[in-house]
Amino acid sequence: MKSYFPTRHVFSMAALVGIGVAFYGAPAHAQQSELDTLRQQIADLQNRLNALEDAQKASATTAKTAPSTTSKFPLTIGGLFQVHSLNYLSEKVNTGGAGSSDTFRLRRAEVRVTAPSITDRLSGTVMFDLGRPDGTNAPGAFQGLSNNILQDLQVTYKASPVANTKSQLFLDAGQFKTPIGYESALVPTANVAFLERSLIFTGRDRFGTTYGDQRDTGVQVRATSGEIEARLGLFNGFGDRQNSLAASDNKAVLGLVAFKPKRIAGLTIGASGGVGNTGVVFTPTGGTAVNLRAHRNLVNAFLNYKFSKFTLQGEYLRGNASSFLTGTTTNAAINPQGYYIGGSYLFNPRFEVLARYDTLDFDRKIDNATVRDYLVGMNYYIKGQNKLQVNLVRRVGGLAAPTSATNPAANYRNNRLELRTGVQLAF
């Protein structure tokens, strides 16, 4: 119980001292008048003190007994801003291609709001990319669904004991990155060494879909135990249903496992993959809308090794997609395959050089559908992941016919020398 005894005595002692000084330092006829005045002042001060004590006690009682009307928890705000400049030093326009214009590009304007501790088990996050164009599409098409401003909306429940830090189990629900690939799923965008991820995660088919670096709506289990990290999820699609409802009852099953052996510090090896039979509504040229099911599957293997100032990274991906339409007929299958291998060396905490060989075959059945990139670059780190980046890219394009469903974009068909520069602000 709180005691107000010291406070009261301070006032009493001060009052007595004042009285004594006044009493002995004044004539007798004035002493009584001054004494009465001091007594009145002491009484007024005592009444004010009593009122303050009563108000404090009442406030403490109310705080203990009154029900909470709002639920308050901390929020953190982060962001990732990227501005790029693309300069085509030379370009040979191949069949069906078109020349590219030098341009500035607002690559990302991500704003992320996270509630890390709604409870000791529940957390959530939402991320908007304000640099995305409008994702609205014509009826029957969905290649722009990933361009909606809303990117992530995720609720996470920690299923393992809260105090357990060695083995953890999480349940995710909402829209988030599909668990495909190391560079795609395990490396935050701010930490990607090059200005763009590799071709296997950026090359889109004619539906605007690829096998990695995509988000979709679903549920996922994440687990870590010692040297193992694993993810397994059920999604509406492979990324083609982002910001949209499923087109059929069938779902995509995607998973990833990564192994980090303690005996080899800095090494991460693993694999990811999935199968799916997701509904697609497509309108062929001159035809009517068709609700078809795109049978997809993929396998992916990856390796990342960091030793001192060196980093070596590589991945391989092979996929299959059937029942796509070309024109008014059915294409039996599309079979993409690609890989990359690259590395970097950090001269000092601010300056890094890097190189990568990158290739993607949009369809193994078609000749001249392979794109190859040879990249060199440098990063200058201002602070943390705030950095300046320069990439020089020599692209050897695939010469597949422009009507091919496997190689739809002109920038994958042309041969060119491209200078990419960018500035990144991450917080």
Protein backbone atom coordinates (compact mmCIF):
# COMPACT_ATOMS: atom_id res chain seq x y z
CA MET A 1 0.00 0.00 0.00
CA LYS A 2 1.31 3.45 -0.85
CA SER A 3 2.15 5.77 2.04
CA TYR A 4 1.81 9.51 1.76
CA PHE A 5 3.48 10.10 5.18
CA PRO A 6 6.73 11.59 3.77
CA THR A 7 4.87 14.10 1.60
CA ARG A 8 2.66 15.25 4.44
CA HIS A 9 5.63 15.78 6.73
CA VAL A 10 7.46 17.84 4.15
CA PHE A 11 4.56 20.25 4.05
CA SER A 12 4.27 20.23 7.88
CA MET A 13 7.96 20.90 8.44
CA ALA A 14 7.97 23.69 5.87
CA ALA A 15 4.96 25.21 7.58
CA LEU A 16 6.59 25.07 11.02
CA VAL A 17 9.77 26.66 9.75
CA GLY A 18 7.74 29.43 8.16
CA ILE A 19 5.78 29.96 11.33
CA GLY A 20 8.91 30.07 13.44
CA VAL A 21 10.57 32.61 11.20
CA ALA A 22 7.46 34.74 11.08
CA PHE A 23 6.84 34.47 14.83
CA TYR A 24 10.27 35.42 16.07
CA GLY A 25 11.04 37.96 13.36
CA ALA A 26 7.90 40.13 13.75
CA PRO A 27 6.49 42.42 16.49
CA ALA A 28 4.10 40.85 18.97
CA HIS A 29 0.99 42.65 17.69
CA ALA A 30 1.66 41.28 14.12
CA GLN A 31 2.58 37.76 15.10
CA GLN A 32 -0.98 36.58 15.67
CA SER A 33 -2.20 37.93 12.32
CA GLU A 34 0.64 36.30 10.39
CA LEU A 35 0.16 33.06 12.28
CA ASP A 36 -3.51 32.95 11.31
CA THR A 37 -2.62 33.59 7.67
CA LEU A 38 -0.02 30.78 7.63
CA ARG A 39 -2.45 28.35 9.24
CA GLN A 40 -5.01 29.10 6.54
CA GLN A 41 -2.43 28.55 3.79
CA ILE A 42 -1.43 25.19 5.34
CA ALA A 43 -5.06 24.15 5.48
CA ASP A 44 -5.57 25.07 1.82
CA LEU A 45 -2.48 23.11 0.78
CA GLN A 46 -3.60 20.10 2.80
CA ASN A 47 -7.03 20.14 1.12
CA ARG A 48 -5.44 20.27 -2.34
CA LEU A 49 -3.12 17.38 -1.46
CA ASN A 50 -6.02 15.27 -0.21
CA ALA A 51 -7.93 15.92 -3.45
CA LEU A 52 -4.94 14.82 -5.57
CA GLU A 53 -4.52 11.63 -3.53
CA ASP A 54 -8.20 10.74 -3.88
CA ALA A 55 -8.08 11.29 -7.67
CA GLN A 56 -4.99 9.10 -7.98
CA LYS A 57 -6.58 6.26 -6.03
CA ALA A 58 -9.78 6.45 -8.09
CA SER A 59 -7.81 6.36 -11.37
CA ALA A 60 -5.83 3.30 -10.28
CA THR A 61 -9.00 1.46 -9.23
CA THR A 62 -10.71 2.21 -12.55
CA ALA A 63 -7.72 0.97 -14.57
CA LYS A 64 -7.80 -2.37 -12.73
CA THR A 65 -11.52 -3.03 -12.92
CA ALA A 66 -12.77 -1.37 -16.12
CA PRO A 67 -12.96 -3.61 -19.23
CA SER A 68 -10.72 -2.68 -22.17
CA THR A 69 -12.64 -1.02 -25.00
CA THR A 70 -9.82 -1.31 -27.60
CA SER A 71 -7.12 -3.84 -28.39
CA LYS A 72 -3.75 -2.13 -28.72
CA PHE A 73 -0.58 -3.73 -30.09
CA PRO A 74 2.59 -2.36 -31.70
CA LEU A 75 2.85 -1.76 -35.43
CA THR A 76 6.00 -1.49 -37.53
CA ILE A 77 6.18 0.24 -40.90
CA GLY A 78 8.77 -0.62 -43.52
CA GLY A 79 9.33 0.16 -47.16
CA LEU A 80 11.32 -0.67 -50.28
CA PHE A 81 11.73 1.99 -52.96
CA GLN A 82 13.56 1.28 -56.24
CA VAL A 83 14.15 3.57 -59.21
CA HIS A 84 15.81 2.06 -62.31
CA SER A 85 17.29 3.40 -65.50
CA LEU A 86 17.37 1.12 -68.57
CA ASN A 87 19.69 2.08 -71.41
CA TYR A 88 20.01 -0.08 -74.54
CA LEU A 89 23.54 0.47 -75.83
CA SER A 90 22.88 -1.74 -78.86
CA GLU A 91 19.99 -3.90 -80.05
CA LYS A 92 19.29 -6.23 -82.94
CA VAL A 93 15.59 -6.68 -83.56
CA ASN A 94 14.82 -10.32 -84.34
CA THR A 95 11.74 -11.87 -85.89
CA GLY A 96 8.57 -10.39 -84.48
CA GLY A 97 10.46 -8.13 -82.14
CA ALA A 98 10.38 -4.40 -81.62
CA GLY A 99 13.03 -1.96 -80.57
CA SER A 100 13.32 -0.93 -76.93
CA SER A 101 13.42 2.67 -75.73
CA ASP A 102 15.76 3.98 -73.06
CA THR A 103 13.65 4.68 -70.00
CA PHE A 104 13.49 5.42 -66.31
CA ARG A 105 11.33 3.01 -64.33
CA LEU A 106 9.66 3.20 -60.93
CA ARG A 107 10.43 -0.44 -60.17
CA ARG A 108 9.00 -0.72 -56.66
CA ALA A 109 7.28 1.50 -54.11
CA GLU A 110 6.46 -1.01 -51.40
CA VAL A 111 4.96 -0.03 -48.07
CA ARG A 112 4.68 -2.80 -45.48
CA VAL A 113 2.73 -2.63 -42.21
CA THR A 114 3.38 -5.43 -39.72
CA ALA A 115 1.72 -6.31 -36.44
CA PRO A 116 4.40 -8.62 -34.98
CA SER A 117 2.67 -9.33 -31.67
CA ILE A 118 -1.10 -9.10 -31.80
CA THR A 119 -0.82 -11.86 -29.19
CA ASP A 120 2.16 -14.02 -28.23
CA ARG A 121 1.12 -16.39 -31.05
CA LEU A 122 -0.66 -14.23 -33.63
CA SER A 123 0.90 -11.75 -36.07
CA GLY A 124 -0.04 -10.19 -39.39
CA THR A 125 1.31 -8.15 -42.27
CA VAL A 126 0.01 -6.25 -45.28
CA MET A 127 2.12 -4.89 -48.14
CA PHE A 128 1.17 -2.53 -50.94
CA ASP A 129 3.31 -1.76 -53.98
CA LEU A 130 2.25 1.73 -55.00
CA GLY A 131 4.43 1.52 -58.10
CA ARG A 132 2.31 -1.21 -59.67
CA PRO A 133 0.14 -0.35 -62.69
CA ASP A 134 -3.55 -1.08 -62.68
CA GLY A 135 -4.18 -4.83 -62.64
CA THR A 136 -7.54 -4.61 -64.37
CA ASN A 137 -7.82 -6.89 -67.40
CA ALA A 138 -10.14 -7.54 -70.27
CA PRO A 139 -12.72 -10.30 -69.73
CA GLY A 140 -11.19 -13.76 -69.90
CA ALA A 141 -7.62 -12.58 -69.32
CA PHE A 142 -5.63 -12.46 -66.11
CA GLN A 143 -2.03 -11.70 -67.05
CA GLY A 144 -2.13 -8.46 -65.06
CA LEU A 145 -3.47 -9.85 -61.79
CA SER A 146 -0.02 -9.73 -60.19
CA ASN A 147 0.14 -6.00 -60.97
CA ASN A 148 -2.48 -5.05 -58.42
CA ILE A 149 -1.30 -2.67 -55.72
CA LEU A 150 -2.18 -5.16 -52.98
CA GLN A 151 0.66 -7.69 -52.83
CA ASP A 152 0.73 -9.35 -49.39
CA LEU A 153 -2.03 -9.89 -46.87
CA GLN A 154 -0.89 -12.53 -44.40
CA VAL A 155 -2.00 -13.74 -40.98
CA THR A 156 0.43 -16.01 -39.10
CA TYR A 157 -0.23 -18.28 -36.14
CA LYS A 158 2.64 -19.77 -34.16
CA ALA A 159 1.60 -23.35 -33.43
CA SER A 160 4.75 -24.44 -31.59
CA PRO A 161 5.38 -23.57 -27.91
CA VAL A 162 6.18 -19.88 -27.57
CA ALA A 163 9.32 -20.50 -25.51
CA ASN A 164 10.72 -23.03 -28.00
CA THR A 165 13.35 -21.39 -30.23
CA LYS A 166 15.00 -24.52 -31.65
CA SER A 167 11.96 -25.99 -33.42
CA GLN A 168 9.18 -23.73 -34.61
CA LEU A 169 5.93 -24.29 -36.49
CA PHE A 170 3.89 -21.55 -38.17
CA LEU A 171 0.57 -21.50 -40.02
CA ASP A 172 0.12 -18.80 -42.68
CA ALA A 173 -3.14 -17.77 -44.33
CA GLY A 174 -3.78 -15.12 -46.95
CA GLN A 175 -1.81 -13.97 -49.99
CA PHE A 176 1.99 -14.23 -50.03
CA LYS A 177 4.98 -15.58 -51.98
CA THR A 178 4.62 -19.15 -53.20
CA PRO A 179 7.36 -21.45 -51.79
CA ILE A 180 9.26 -21.90 -55.06
CA GLY A 181 12.99 -21.32 -55.46
CA TYR A 182 15.77 -19.94 -53.29
CA GLU A 183 16.14 -16.52 -54.93
CA SER A 184 12.38 -16.25 -55.23
CA ALA A 185 11.08 -17.42 -51.85
CA LEU A 186 13.98 -17.28 -49.39
CA VAL A 187 15.82 -14.08 -50.40
CA PRO A 188 14.01 -10.82 -49.55
CA THR A 189 13.68 -8.54 -52.55
CA ALA A 190 15.86 -5.89 -50.90
CA ASN A 191 18.70 -8.44 -50.60
CA VAL A 192 18.72 -9.64 -54.23
CA ALA A 193 22.24 -8.92 -55.53
CA PHE A 194 21.22 -8.01 -59.09
CA LEU A 195 18.71 -5.41 -60.21
CA GLU A 196 16.41 -8.20 -61.40
CA ARG A 197 15.97 -11.82 -60.39
CA SER A 198 17.03 -14.56 -62.78
CA LEU A 199 15.17 -15.50 -65.96
CA ILE A 200 13.55 -18.60 -64.46
CA PHE A 201 11.71 -16.31 -62.04
CA THR A 202 11.05 -13.33 -64.33
CA GLY A 203 10.31 -14.85 -67.76
CA ARG A 204 6.53 -14.92 -68.18
CA ASP A 205 4.45 -17.10 -70.46
CA ARG A 206 1.63 -15.52 -72.46
CA PHE A 207 -0.64 -15.66 -69.42
CA GLY A 208 1.83 -13.46 -67.56
CA THR A 209 2.69 -16.32 -65.23
CA THR A 210 5.98 -17.88 -64.25
CA TYR A 211 7.01 -20.56 -61.80
CA GLY A 212 8.56 -18.32 -59.16
CA ASP A 213 8.57 -14.82 -57.71
CA GLN A 214 4.78 -14.97 -57.66
CA ARG A 215 2.14 -14.54 -55.01
CA ASP A 216 -1.08 -16.45 -54.64
CA THR A 217 -3.86 -16.94 -52.13
CA GLY A 218 -3.84 -19.99 -49.89
CA VAL A 219 -2.63 -21.55 -46.67
CA GLN A 220 0.87 -22.68 -45.78
CA VAL A 221 2.73 -24.54 -43.04
CA ARG A 222 6.28 -23.35 -42.23
CA ALA A 223 8.58 -25.31 -39.98
CA THR A 224 12.18 -24.95 -38.81
CA SER A 225 14.05 -27.54 -36.78
CA GLY A 226 17.80 -27.46 -36.39
CA GLU A 227 19.35 -27.58 -39.86
CA ILE A 228 16.06 -27.96 -41.76
CA GLU A 229 13.55 -25.40 -43.00
CA ALA A 230 10.42 -26.57 -44.80
CA ARG A 231 7.27 -25.06 -46.31
CA LEU A 232 4.17 -26.72 -47.72
CA GLY A 233 1.14 -24.88 -49.03
CA LEU A 234 -2.19 -25.20 -50.81
CA PHE A 235 -2.88 -22.33 -53.24
CA ASN A 236 -5.44 -21.25 -55.83
CA GLY A 237 -2.70 -21.45 -58.47
CA PHE A 238 0.98 -21.03 -59.25
CA GLY A 239 0.67 -17.27 -59.03
CA ASP A 240 -1.83 -16.84 -61.85
CA ARG A 241 -4.73 -16.40 -59.38
CA GLN A 242 -3.19 -13.57 -57.36
CA ASN A 243 -5.77 -11.01 -56.23
CA SER A 244 -8.49 -13.23 -57.71
CA LEU A 245 -10.80 -16.11 -56.86
CA ALA A 246 -10.09 -19.68 -57.93
CA ALA A 247 -11.52 -20.73 -61.29
CA SER A 248 -12.07 -24.36 -60.23
CA ASP A 249 -12.13 -26.62 -57.17
CA ASN A 250 -8.64 -27.85 -58.00
CA LYS A 251 -5.70 -26.34 -56.14
CA ALA A 252 -1.94 -26.16 -56.53
CA VAL A 253 0.22 -27.97 -53.97
CA LEU A 254 3.63 -26.30 -53.60
CA GLY A 255 6.49 -26.99 -51.21
CA LEU A 256 10.11 -26.23 -50.38
CA VAL A 257 12.80 -27.77 -48.16
CA ALA A 258 16.18 -26.21 -47.35
CA PHE A 259 19.13 -27.82 -45.54
CA LYS A 260 21.81 -25.77 -43.74
CA PRO A 261 24.45 -28.20 -42.43
CA LYS A 262 26.24 -26.98 -39.32
CA ARG A 263 29.44 -28.70 -40.44
CA ILE A 264 29.64 -26.45 -43.51
CA ALA A 265 28.90 -22.94 -42.32
CA GLY A 266 27.32 -20.72 -44.94
CA LEU A 267 25.95 -23.54 -47.14
CA THR A 268 22.28 -23.84 -48.05
CA ILE A 269 21.03 -26.54 -50.41
CA GLY A 270 17.49 -27.55 -51.16
CA ALA A 271 14.65 -28.23 -53.52
CA SER A 272 11.16 -26.99 -54.24
CA GLY A 273 8.33 -28.04 -56.52
CA GLY A 274 4.65 -28.55 -56.95
CA VAL A 275 1.73 -29.85 -58.95
CA GLY A 276 -1.50 -28.15 -59.88
CA ASN A 277 -4.61 -28.39 -62.00
CA THR A 278 -6.02 -24.89 -61.81
CA GLY A 279 -8.89 -23.47 -63.82
CA VAL A 280 -8.17 -20.92 -66.55
CA VAL A 281 -10.76 -18.93 -68.48
CA PHE A 282 -9.28 -18.05 -71.86
CA THR A 283 -10.77 -16.50 -75.00
CA PRO A 284 -8.93 -17.62 -78.17
CA THR A 285 -8.68 -15.28 -81.13
CA GLY A 286 -12.00 -15.23 -82.94
CA GLY A 287 -13.47 -17.78 -80.54
CA THR A 288 -15.60 -17.94 -77.44
CA ALA A 289 -14.48 -18.10 -73.84
CA VAL A 290 -13.24 -21.53 -72.79
CA ASN A 291 -12.85 -22.74 -69.21
CA LEU A 292 -9.87 -25.04 -69.41
CA ARG A 293 -7.61 -26.55 -66.81
CA ALA A 294 -3.89 -25.93 -67.03
CA HIS A 295 -2.04 -28.98 -65.74
CA ARG A 296 1.22 -27.74 -64.27
CA ASN A 297 4.13 -29.26 -62.44
CA LEU A 298 7.69 -28.22 -61.68
CA VAL A 299 10.88 -29.20 -59.90
CA ASN A 300 13.57 -26.84 -58.65
CA ALA A 301 16.97 -27.34 -56.99
CA PHE A 302 19.16 -24.65 -55.48
CA LEU A 303 22.50 -24.00 -53.78
CA ASN A 304 23.89 -20.97 -51.99
CA TYR A 305 27.33 -20.91 -50.35
CA LYS A 306 28.83 -17.97 -48.49
CA PHE A 307 32.50 -18.21 -47.51
CA SER A 308 34.25 -15.16 -46.12
CA LYS A 309 33.74 -12.43 -48.76
CA PHE A 310 32.67 -14.84 -51.53
CA THR A 311 29.12 -15.90 -52.39
CA LEU A 312 28.24 -18.62 -54.92
CA GLN A 313 24.63 -19.21 -55.95
CA GLY A 314 22.84 -21.34 -58.54
CA GLU A 315 19.44 -22.84 -59.33
CA TYR A 316 17.82 -25.17 -61.81
CA LEU A 317 14.12 -25.31 -62.72
CA ARG A 318 12.16 -27.59 -65.03
CA GLY A 319 8.40 -27.41 -65.58
CA ASN A 320 5.49 -28.62 -67.66
CA ALA A 321 2.17 -27.01 -68.52
CA SER A 322 -0.45 -28.60 -70.73
CA SER A 323 -3.87 -27.73 -72.15
CA PHE A 324 -2.98 -24.17 -73.10
CA LEU A 325 -4.64 -22.91 -76.25
CA THR A 326 -2.91 -21.35 -79.26
CA GLY A 327 -5.38 -19.70 -81.59
CA THR A 328 -8.37 -22.05 -81.71
CA THR A 329 -6.46 -25.29 -81.09
CA THR A 330 -5.03 -26.94 -78.03
CA ASN A 331 -1.28 -26.98 -77.48
CA ALA A 332 -0.39 -30.33 -75.92
CA ALA A 333 2.28 -29.00 -73.56
CA ILE A 334 4.73 -26.23 -72.80
CA ASN A 335 7.96 -27.39 -71.22
CA PRO A 336 10.16 -24.61 -69.82
CA GLN A 337 13.61 -25.24 -68.42
CA GLY A 338 16.31 -22.93 -67.13
CA TYR A 339 19.13 -22.35 -64.72
CA TYR A 340 21.60 -19.73 -63.55
CA ILE A 341 24.93 -19.70 -61.75
CA GLY A 342 26.61 -16.64 -60.35
CA GLY A 343 28.69 -15.20 -57.59
CA SER A 344 29.88 -12.07 -55.88
CA TYR A 345 32.88 -10.77 -53.95
CA LEU A 346 32.62 -8.14 -51.24
CA PHE A 347 35.81 -6.08 -51.33
CA ASN A 348 34.76 -4.10 -48.26
CA PRO A 349 31.49 -3.45 -46.43
CA ARG A 350 30.46 -0.93 -49.11
CA PHE A 351 31.71 -2.26 -52.46
CA GLU A 352 30.71 -5.55 -54.13
CA VAL A 353 31.28 -6.97 -57.62
CA LEU A 354 29.17 -9.74 -59.14
CA ALA A 355 28.68 -11.87 -62.25
CA ARG A 356 26.06 -14.36 -63.47
CA TYR A 357 25.25 -16.62 -66.40
CA ASP A 358 21.50 -17.00 -66.84
CA THR A 359 19.44 -19.01 -69.34
CA LEU A 360 15.81 -19.96 -69.90
CA ASP A 361 14.31 -22.22 -72.56
CA PHE A 362 10.65 -21.25 -72.79
CA ASP A 363 9.80 -24.59 -74.42
CA ARG A 364 12.19 -27.53 -74.85
CA LYS A 365 10.16 -28.80 -77.83
CA ILE A 366 10.69 -25.65 -79.93
CA ASP A 367 13.96 -24.61 -81.53
CA ASN A 368 15.31 -21.12 -80.85
CA ALA A 369 13.13 -20.50 -77.79
CA THR A 370 16.13 -20.11 -75.45
CA VAL A 371 17.21 -16.78 -73.98
CA ARG A 372 20.68 -16.28 -72.48
CA ASP A 373 21.93 -13.43 -70.31
CA TYR A 374 25.55 -12.68 -69.42
CA LEU A 375 25.68 -10.22 -66.52
CA VAL A 376 28.38 -8.33 -64.63
CA GLY A 377 27.75 -5.64 -62.08
CA MET A 378 28.62 -3.80 -58.92
CA ASN A 379 26.81 -2.68 -55.77
CA TYR A 380 27.71 0.26 -53.56
CA TYR A 381 26.12 -0.04 -50.12
CA ILE A 382 25.32 3.29 -48.53
CA LYS A 383 23.93 1.83 -45.31
CA GLY A 384 22.42 -1.60 -44.80
CA GLN A 385 20.52 -2.50 -47.98
CA ASN A 386 20.33 1.11 -49.14
CA LYS A 387 22.49 0.88 -52.23
CA LEU A 388 23.42 1.97 -55.73
CA GLN A 389 23.49 -0.79 -58.38
CA VAL A 390 24.92 -1.08 -61.89
CA ASN A 391 24.41 -4.13 -64.18
CA LEU A 392 25.72 -4.64 -67.69
CA VAL A 393 23.68 -7.29 -69.50
CA ARG A 394 24.46 -9.02 -72.78
CA ARG A 395 21.27 -10.76 -73.95
CA VAL A 396 21.12 -13.38 -76.70
CA GLY A 397 17.44 -13.68 -77.50
CA GLY A 398 15.37 -16.62 -78.62
CA LEU A 399 14.08 -16.47 -82.21
CA ALA A 400 10.77 -18.26 -81.72
CA ALA A 401 7.90 -16.99 -83.88
CA PRO A 402 5.99 -14.08 -82.32
CA THR A 403 2.76 -16.09 -82.24
CA SER A 404 4.34 -18.81 -80.10
CA ALA A 405 2.72 -19.15 -76.70
CA THR A 406 6.11 -19.98 -75.25
CA ASN A 407 8.03 -16.78 -75.99
CA PRO A 408 5.56 -13.89 -76.07
CA ALA A 409 7.64 -10.85 -75.20
CA ALA A 410 9.79 -9.00 -77.73
CA ASN A 411 12.47 -8.24 -75.17
CA TYR A 412 13.18 -11.99 -74.88
CA ARG A 413 13.66 -12.32 -78.65
CA ASN A 414 16.07 -9.47 -79.35
CA ASN A 415 19.86 -9.50 -79.06
CA ARG A 416 21.03 -6.48 -77.11
CA LEU A 417 23.52 -4.89 -74.77
CA GLU A 418 21.77 -3.23 -71.87
CA LEU A 419 23.02 -1.00 -69.07
CA ARG A 420 20.83 -1.17 -65.97
CA THR A 421 21.32 1.22 -63.07
CA GLY A 422 19.27 1.64 -59.97
CA VAL A 423 19.01 3.18 -56.53
CA GLN A 424 17.35 1.35 -53.64
CA LEU A 425 16.03 2.65 -50.33
CA ALA A 426 15.09 -0.05 -47.82
CA PHE A 427 13.79 0.67 -44.34
